[in-house]
Amino acid sequence: QLKDLLSFKGLNDDIAIRIKKVTDTAK
């Protein structure tokens, strides 16, 4: 659901890496 409903804009590499880490851990 979140993959379909949530998107991101204006990410730098550091924020993108942190988002990936947070989403992997939350799953």
PDB file of all heavy atoms in Angstrom:
ATOM      1  N   GLN A   1       0.832  -1.200   0.000  1.00  0.00           N
ATOM      2  CA  GLN A   1       0.000   0.000   0.000  1.00  0.00           C
ATOM      3  C   GLN A   1       0.868   1.252   0.000  1.00  0.00           C
ATOM      4  O   GLN A   1       0.633   2.184  -0.776  1.00  0.00           O
ATOM      5  CB  GLN A   1      -0.901   0.042   1.245  1.00  0.00           C
ATOM      6  CG  GLN A   1      -2.024  -0.947   1.277  1.00  0.00           C
ATOM      7  CD  GLN A   1      -2.747  -0.867   2.615  1.00  0.00           C
ATOM      8  OE1 GLN A   1      -2.175  -1.182   3.650  1.00  0.00           O
ATOM      9  NE2 GLN A   1      -3.990  -0.446   2.564  1.00  0.00           N
ATOM     10  N   LEU A   2       1.850   1.277   0.888  1.00  0.00           N
ATOM     11  CA  LEU A   2       2.703   2.456   0.998  1.00  0.00           C
ATOM     12  C   LEU A   2       3.528   2.672  -0.262  1.00  0.00           C
ATOM     13  O   LEU A   2       3.749   3.809  -0.673  1.00  0.00           O
ATOM     14  CB  LEU A   2       3.596   2.351   2.230  1.00  0.00           C
ATOM     15  CG  LEU A   2       2.838   2.419   3.559  1.00  0.00           C
ATOM     16  CD1 LEU A   2       3.765   2.156   4.723  1.00  0.00           C
ATOM     17  CD2 LEU A   2       2.135   3.756   3.724  1.00  0.00           C
ATOM     18  N   LYS A   3       3.934   1.588  -0.884  1.00  0.00           N
ATOM     19  CA  LYS A   3       4.691   1.702  -2.138  1.00  0.00           C
ATOM     20  C   LYS A   3       3.855   2.404  -3.204  1.00  0.00           C
ATOM     21  O   LYS A   3       4.370   3.205  -3.985  1.00  0.00           O
ATOM     22  CB  LYS A   3       5.124   0.314  -2.617  1.00  0.00           C
ATOM     23  CG  LYS A   3       6.043   0.335  -3.798  1.00  0.00           C
ATOM     24  CD  LYS A   3       6.497  -1.072  -4.148  1.00  0.00           C
ATOM     25  CE  LYS A   3       7.412  -1.051  -5.344  1.00  0.00           C
ATOM     26  NZ  LYS A   3       7.869  -2.375  -5.728  1.00  0.00           N
ATOM     27  N   ASP A   4       2.552   2.107  -3.216  1.00  0.00           N
ATOM     28  CA  ASP A   4       1.647   2.714  -4.200  1.00  0.00           C
ATOM     29  C   ASP A   4       1.203   4.128  -3.818  1.00  0.00           C
ATOM     30  O   ASP A   4       0.938   4.943  -4.690  1.00  0.00           O
ATOM     31  CB  ASP A   4       0.400   1.846  -4.379  1.00  0.00           C
ATOM     32  CG  ASP A   4       0.700   0.514  -5.054  1.00  0.00           C
ATOM     33  OD1 ASP A   4       1.742   0.409  -5.734  1.00  0.00           O
ATOM     34  OD2 ASP A   4      -0.108  -0.416  -4.887  1.00  0.00           O
ATOM     35  N   LEU A   5       1.100   4.403  -2.523  1.00  0.00           N
ATOM     36  CA  LEU A   5       0.484   5.647  -2.066  1.00  0.00           C
ATOM     37  C   LEU A   5       1.453   6.735  -1.618  1.00  0.00           C
ATOM     38  O   LEU A   5       1.079   7.889  -1.498  1.00  0.00           O
ATOM     39  CB  LEU A   5      -0.471   5.352  -0.901  1.00  0.00           C
ATOM     40  CG  LEU A   5      -1.644   4.427  -1.214  1.00  0.00           C
ATOM     41  CD1 LEU A   5      -2.396   4.076   0.057  1.00  0.00           C
ATOM     42  CD2 LEU A   5      -2.573   5.084  -2.226  1.00  0.00           C
ATOM     43  N   LEU A   6       2.705   6.365  -1.355  1.00  0.00           N
ATOM     44  CA  LEU A   6       3.666   7.307  -0.793  1.00  0.00           C
ATOM     45  C   LEU A   6       4.832   7.500  -1.757  1.00  0.00           C
ATOM     46  O   LEU A   6       5.415   6.527  -2.239  1.00  0.00           O
ATOM     47  CB  LEU A   6       4.179   6.761   0.545  1.00  0.00           C
ATOM     48  CG  LEU A   6       4.992   7.678   1.440  1.00  0.00           C
ATOM     49  CD1 LEU A   6       4.159   8.880   1.883  1.00  0.00           C
ATOM     50  CD2 LEU A   6       5.487   6.916   2.664  1.00  0.00           C
ATOM     51  N   SER A   7       5.151   8.750  -2.049  1.00  0.00           N
ATOM     52  CA  SER A   7       6.300   9.042  -2.904  1.00  0.00           C
ATOM     53  C   SER A   7       7.151  10.129  -2.255  1.00  0.00           C
ATOM     54  O   SER A   7       6.729  10.777  -1.298  1.00  0.00           O
ATOM     55  CB  SER A   7       5.842   9.478  -4.300  1.00  0.00           C
ATOM     56  OG  SER A   7       5.076  10.664  -4.225  1.00  0.00           O
ATOM     57  N   PHE A   8       8.344  10.300  -2.809  1.00  0.00           N
ATOM     58  CA  PHE A   8       9.312  11.232  -2.237  1.00  0.00           C
ATOM     59  C   PHE A   8       9.859  12.143  -3.324  1.00  0.00           C
ATOM     60  O   PHE A   8       9.987  11.749  -4.474  1.00  0.00           O
ATOM     61  CB  PHE A   8      10.469  10.462  -1.593  1.00  0.00           C
ATOM     62  CG  PHE A   8      10.025   9.469  -0.559  1.00  0.00           C
ATOM     63  CD1 PHE A   8       9.885   8.127  -0.880  1.00  0.00           C
ATOM     64  CD2 PHE A   8       9.717   9.876   0.726  1.00  0.00           C
ATOM     65  CE1 PHE A   8       9.462   7.205   0.062  1.00  0.00           C
ATOM     66  CE2 PHE A   8       9.298   8.964   1.680  1.00  0.00           C
ATOM     67  CZ  PHE A   8       9.173   7.626   1.348  1.00  0.00           C
ATOM     68  N   LYS A   9      10.233  13.341  -2.890  1.00  0.00           N
ATOM     69  CA  LYS A   9      10.780  14.335  -3.808  1.00  0.00           C
ATOM     70  C   LYS A   9      11.880  15.099  -3.069  1.00  0.00           C
ATOM     71  O   LYS A   9      11.808  15.276  -1.850  1.00  0.00           O
ATOM     72  CB  LYS A   9       9.650  15.287  -4.226  1.00  0.00           C
ATOM     73  CG  LYS A   9      10.051  16.407  -5.135  1.00  0.00           C
ATOM     74  CD  LYS A   9       8.845  17.267  -5.460  1.00  0.00           C
ATOM     75  CE  LYS A   9       9.279  18.507  -6.214  1.00  0.00           C
ATOM     76  NZ  LYS A   9       8.159  19.411  -6.462  1.00  0.00           N
ATOM     77  N   GLY A  10      12.883  15.536  -3.787  1.00  0.00           N
ATOM     78  CA  GLY A  10      13.911  16.388  -3.206  1.00  0.00           C
ATOM     79  C   GLY A  10      14.849  15.682  -2.245  1.00  0.00           C
ATOM     80  O   GLY A  10      15.397  16.315  -1.342  1.00  0.00           O
ATOM     81  N   LEU A  11      15.038  14.375  -2.442  1.00  0.00           N
ATOM     82  CA  LEU A  11      15.910  13.613  -1.554  1.00  0.00           C
ATOM     83  C   LEU A  11      17.370  13.774  -1.944  1.00  0.00           C
ATOM     84  O   LEU A  11      17.704  13.687  -3.120  1.00  0.00           O
ATOM     85  CB  LEU A  11      15.580  12.116  -1.626  1.00  0.00           C
ATOM     86  CG  LEU A  11      14.216  11.650  -1.152  1.00  0.00           C
ATOM     87  CD1 LEU A  11      14.082  10.156  -1.387  1.00  0.00           C
ATOM     88  CD2 LEU A  11      14.022  11.971   0.307  1.00  0.00           C
ATOM     89  N   ASN A  12      18.222  13.969  -0.935  1.00  0.00           N
ATOM     90  CA  ASN A  12      19.647  13.829  -1.206  1.00  0.00           C
ATOM     91  C   ASN A  12      20.023  12.387  -0.847  1.00  0.00           C
ATOM     92  O   ASN A  12      19.211  11.636  -0.306  1.00  0.00           O
ATOM     93  CB  ASN A  12      20.480  14.879  -0.453  1.00  0.00           C
ATOM     94  CG  ASN A  12      20.381  14.756   1.053  1.00  0.00           C
ATOM     95  OD1 ASN A  12      20.289  13.662   1.609  1.00  0.00           O
ATOM     96  ND2 ASN A  12      20.419  15.891   1.745  1.00  0.00           N
ATOM     97  N   ASP A  13      21.245  11.998  -1.148  1.00  0.00           N
ATOM     98  CA  ASP A  13      21.657  10.605  -0.929  1.00  0.00           C
ATOM     99  C   ASP A  13      21.555  10.191   0.534  1.00  0.00           C
ATOM    100  O   ASP A  13      21.121   9.078   0.840  1.00  0.00           O
ATOM    101  CB  ASP A  13      23.088  10.379  -1.430  1.00  0.00           C
ATOM    102  CG  ASP A  13      23.184  10.418  -2.946  1.00  0.00           C
ATOM    103  OD1 ASP A  13      22.143  10.307  -3.623  1.00  0.00           O
ATOM    104  OD2 ASP A  13      24.313  10.569  -3.459  1.00  0.00           O
ATOM    105  N   ASP A  14      21.952  11.071   1.445  1.00  0.00           N
ATOM    106  CA  ASP A  14      21.929  10.748   2.872  1.00  0.00           C
ATOM    107  C   ASP A  14      20.502  10.472   3.360  1.00  0.00           C
ATOM    108  O   ASP A  14      20.260   9.492   4.062  1.00  0.00           O
ATOM    109  CB  ASP A  14      22.552  11.892   3.686  1.00  0.00           C
ATOM    110  CG  ASP A  14      22.613  11.581   5.166  1.00  0.00           C
ATOM    111  OD1 ASP A  14      23.166  10.527   5.529  1.00  0.00           O
ATOM    112  OD2 ASP A  14      22.094  12.400   5.958  1.00  0.00           O
ATOM    113  N   ILE A  15      19.571  11.305   2.955  1.00  0.00           N
ATOM    114  CA  ILE A  15      18.176  11.116   3.377  1.00  0.00           C
ATOM    115  C   ILE A  15      17.606   9.855   2.745  1.00  0.00           C
ATOM    116  O   ILE A  15      16.899   9.090   3.399  1.00  0.00           O
ATOM    117  CB  ILE A  15      17.323  12.361   3.049  1.00  0.00           C
ATOM    118  CG1 ILE A  15      17.799  13.558   3.875  1.00  0.00           C
ATOM    119  CG2 ILE A  15      15.839  12.084   3.315  1.00  0.00           C
ATOM    120  CD1 ILE A  15      17.166  14.879   3.481  1.00  0.00           C
ATOM    121  N   ALA A  16      17.917   9.610   1.487  1.00  0.00           N
ATOM    122  CA  ALA A  16      17.426   8.394   0.813  1.00  0.00           C
ATOM    123  C   ALA A  16      17.918   7.137   1.523  1.00  0.00           C
ATOM    124  O   ALA A  16      17.154   6.184   1.724  1.00  0.00           O
ATOM    125  CB  ALA A  16      17.861   8.395  -0.648  1.00  0.00           C
ATOM    126  N   ILE A  17      19.179   7.126   1.934  1.00  0.00           N
ATOM    127  CA  ILE A  17      19.731   5.979   2.657  1.00  0.00           C
ATOM    128  C   ILE A  17      19.031   5.799   3.996  1.00  0.00           C
ATOM    129  O   ILE A  17      18.688   4.679   4.389  1.00  0.00           O
ATOM    130  CB  ILE A  17      21.257   6.149   2.848  1.00  0.00           C
ATOM    131  CG1 ILE A  17      21.957   5.981   1.495  1.00  0.00           C
ATOM    132  CG2 ILE A  17      21.809   5.167   3.871  1.00  0.00           C
ATOM    133  CD1 ILE A  17      23.412   6.432   1.489  1.00  0.00           C
ATOM    134  N   ARG A  18      18.786   6.895   4.699  1.00  0.00           N
ATOM    135  CA  ARG A  18      18.102   6.812   6.002  1.00  0.00           C
ATOM    136  C   ARG A  18      16.662   6.317   5.842  1.00  0.00           C
ATOM    137  O   ARG A  18      16.175   5.524   6.643  1.00  0.00           O
ATOM    138  CB  ARG A  18      18.124   8.160   6.710  1.00  0.00           C
ATOM    139  CG  ARG A  18      19.488   8.532   7.237  1.00  0.00           C
ATOM    140  CD  ARG A  18      19.445   9.889   7.957  1.00  0.00           C
ATOM    141  NE  ARG A  18      20.771  10.398   8.168  1.00  0.00           N
ATOM    142  CZ  ARG A  18      21.542  10.097   9.198  1.00  0.00           C
ATOM    143  NH1 ARG A  18      21.099   9.278  10.122  1.00  0.00           N
ATOM    144  NH2 ARG A  18      22.741  10.608   9.318  1.00  0.00           N
ATOM    145  N   ILE A  19      15.977   6.774   4.813  1.00  0.00           N
ATOM    146  CA  ILE A  19      14.607   6.313   4.561  1.00  0.00           C
ATOM    147  C   ILE A  19      14.610   4.813   4.280  1.00  0.00           C
ATOM    148  O   ILE A  19      13.762   4.080   4.803  1.00  0.00           O
ATOM    149  CB  ILE A  19      13.945   7.105   3.411  1.00  0.00           C
ATOM    150  CG1 ILE A  19      13.636   8.529   3.880  1.00  0.00           C
ATOM    151  CG2 ILE A  19      12.681   6.404   2.920  1.00  0.00           C
ATOM    152  CD1 ILE A  19      13.138   9.448   2.790  1.00  0.00           C
ATOM    153  N   LYS A  20      15.544   4.349   3.486  1.00  0.00           N
ATOM    154  CA  LYS A  20      15.646   2.917   3.194  1.00  0.00           C
ATOM    155  C   LYS A  20      15.883   2.123   4.469  1.00  0.00           C
ATOM    156  O   LYS A  20      15.233   1.102   4.721  1.00  0.00           O
ATOM    157  CB  LYS A  20      16.778   2.682   2.190  1.00  0.00           C
ATOM    158  CG  LYS A  20      17.098   1.231   1.921  1.00  0.00           C
ATOM    159  CD  LYS A  20      16.141   0.629   0.923  1.00  0.00           C
ATOM    160  CE  LYS A  20      16.645  -0.731   0.471  1.00  0.00           C
ATOM    161  NZ  LYS A  20      15.780  -1.815   0.849  1.00  0.00           N
ATOM    162  N   LYS A  21      16.771   2.599   5.319  1.00  0.00           N
ATOM    163  CA  LYS A  21      17.069   1.921   6.584  1.00  0.00           C
ATOM    164  C   LYS A  21      15.836   1.891   7.484  1.00  0.00           C
ATOM    165  O   LYS A  21      15.500   0.857   8.065  1.00  0.00           O
ATOM    166  CB  LYS A  21      18.214   2.642   7.303  1.00  0.00           C
ATOM    167  CG  LYS A  21      18.699   1.930   8.553  1.00  0.00           C
ATOM    168  CD  LYS A  21      19.822   2.700   9.228  1.00  0.00           C
ATOM    169  CE  LYS A  21      21.059   2.671   8.356  1.00  0.00           C
ATOM    170  NZ  LYS A  21      22.235   3.277   9.011  1.00  0.00           N
ATOM    171  N   VAL A  22      15.134   3.012   7.584  1.00  0.00           N
ATOM    172  CA  VAL A  22      13.932   3.104   8.423  1.00  0.00           C
ATOM    173  C   VAL A  22      12.834   2.187   7.898  1.00  0.00           C
ATOM    174  O   VAL A  22      12.193   1.471   8.671  1.00  0.00           O
ATOM    175  CB  VAL A  22      13.444   4.568   8.514  1.00  0.00           C
ATOM    176  CG1 VAL A  22      12.019   4.659   9.027  1.00  0.00           C
ATOM    177  CG2 VAL A  22      14.382   5.381   9.406  1.00  0.00           C
ATOM    178  N   THR A  23      12.610   2.175   6.593  1.00  0.00           N
ATOM    179  CA  THR A  23      11.531   1.343   6.052  1.00  0.00           C
ATOM    180  C   THR A  23      11.865  -0.142   6.193  1.00  0.00           C
ATOM    181  O   THR A  23      10.989  -0.934   6.537  1.00  0.00           O
ATOM    182  CB  THR A  23      11.217   1.681   4.585  1.00  0.00           C
ATOM    183  OG1 THR A  23      12.392   1.551   3.790  1.00  0.00           O
ATOM    184  CG2 THR A  23      10.666   3.092   4.449  1.00  0.00           C
ATOM    185  N   ASP A  24      13.113  -0.519   5.951  1.00  0.00           N
ATOM    186  CA  ASP A  24      13.498  -1.923   6.111  1.00  0.00           C
ATOM    187  C   ASP A  24      13.297  -2.381   7.555  1.00  0.00           C
ATOM    188  O   ASP A  24      12.757  -3.467   7.803  1.00  0.00           O
ATOM    189  CB  ASP A  24      14.958  -2.139   5.702  1.00  0.00           C
ATOM    190  CG  ASP A  24      15.174  -2.048   4.199  1.00  0.00           C
ATOM    191  OD1 ASP A  24      14.181  -2.026   3.446  1.00  0.00           O
ATOM    192  OD2 ASP A  24      16.352  -1.996   3.789  1.00  0.00           O
ATOM    193  N   THR A  25      13.720  -1.563   8.493  1.00  0.00           N
ATOM    194  CA  THR A  25      13.575  -1.910   9.910  1.00  0.00           C
ATOM    195  C   THR A  25      12.110  -1.949  10.321  1.00  0.00           C
ATOM    196  O   THR A  25      11.683  -2.858  11.041  1.00  0.00           O
ATOM    197  CB  THR A  25      14.347  -0.905  10.793  1.00  0.00           C
ATOM    198  OG1 THR A  25      15.718  -0.906  10.394  1.00  0.00           O
ATOM    199  CG2 THR A  25      14.247  -1.273  12.265  1.00  0.00           C
ATOM    200  N   ALA A  26      11.324  -0.992   9.856  1.00  0.00           N
ATOM    201  CA  ALA A  26       9.897  -0.951  10.212  1.00  0.00           C
ATOM    202  C   ALA A  26       9.160  -2.179   9.679  1.00  0.00           C
ATOM    203  O   ALA A  26       8.311  -2.743  10.376  1.00  0.00           O
ATOM    204  CB  ALA A  26       9.257   0.321   9.664  1.00  0.00           C
ATOM    205  N   LYS A  27       9.489  -2.604   8.474  1.00  0.00           N
ATOM    206  CA  LYS A  27       8.856  -3.797   7.903  1.00  0.00           C
ATOM    207  C   LYS A  27       9.131  -5.018   8.780  1.00  0.00           C
ATOM    208  O   LYS A  27       8.223  -5.802   9.078  1.00  0.00           O
ATOM    209  CB  LYS A  27       9.365  -4.058   6.483  1.00  0.00           C
ATOM    210  CG  LYS A  27       8.869  -3.069   5.468  1.00  0.00           C
ATOM    211  CD  LYS A  27       9.547  -3.324   4.127  1.00  0.00           C
ATOM    212  CE  LYS A  27       9.354  -2.186   3.166  1.00  0.00           C
ATOM    213  NZ  LYS A  27      10.071  -2.423   1.905  1.00  0.00           N
TER     214      LYS A  27
END
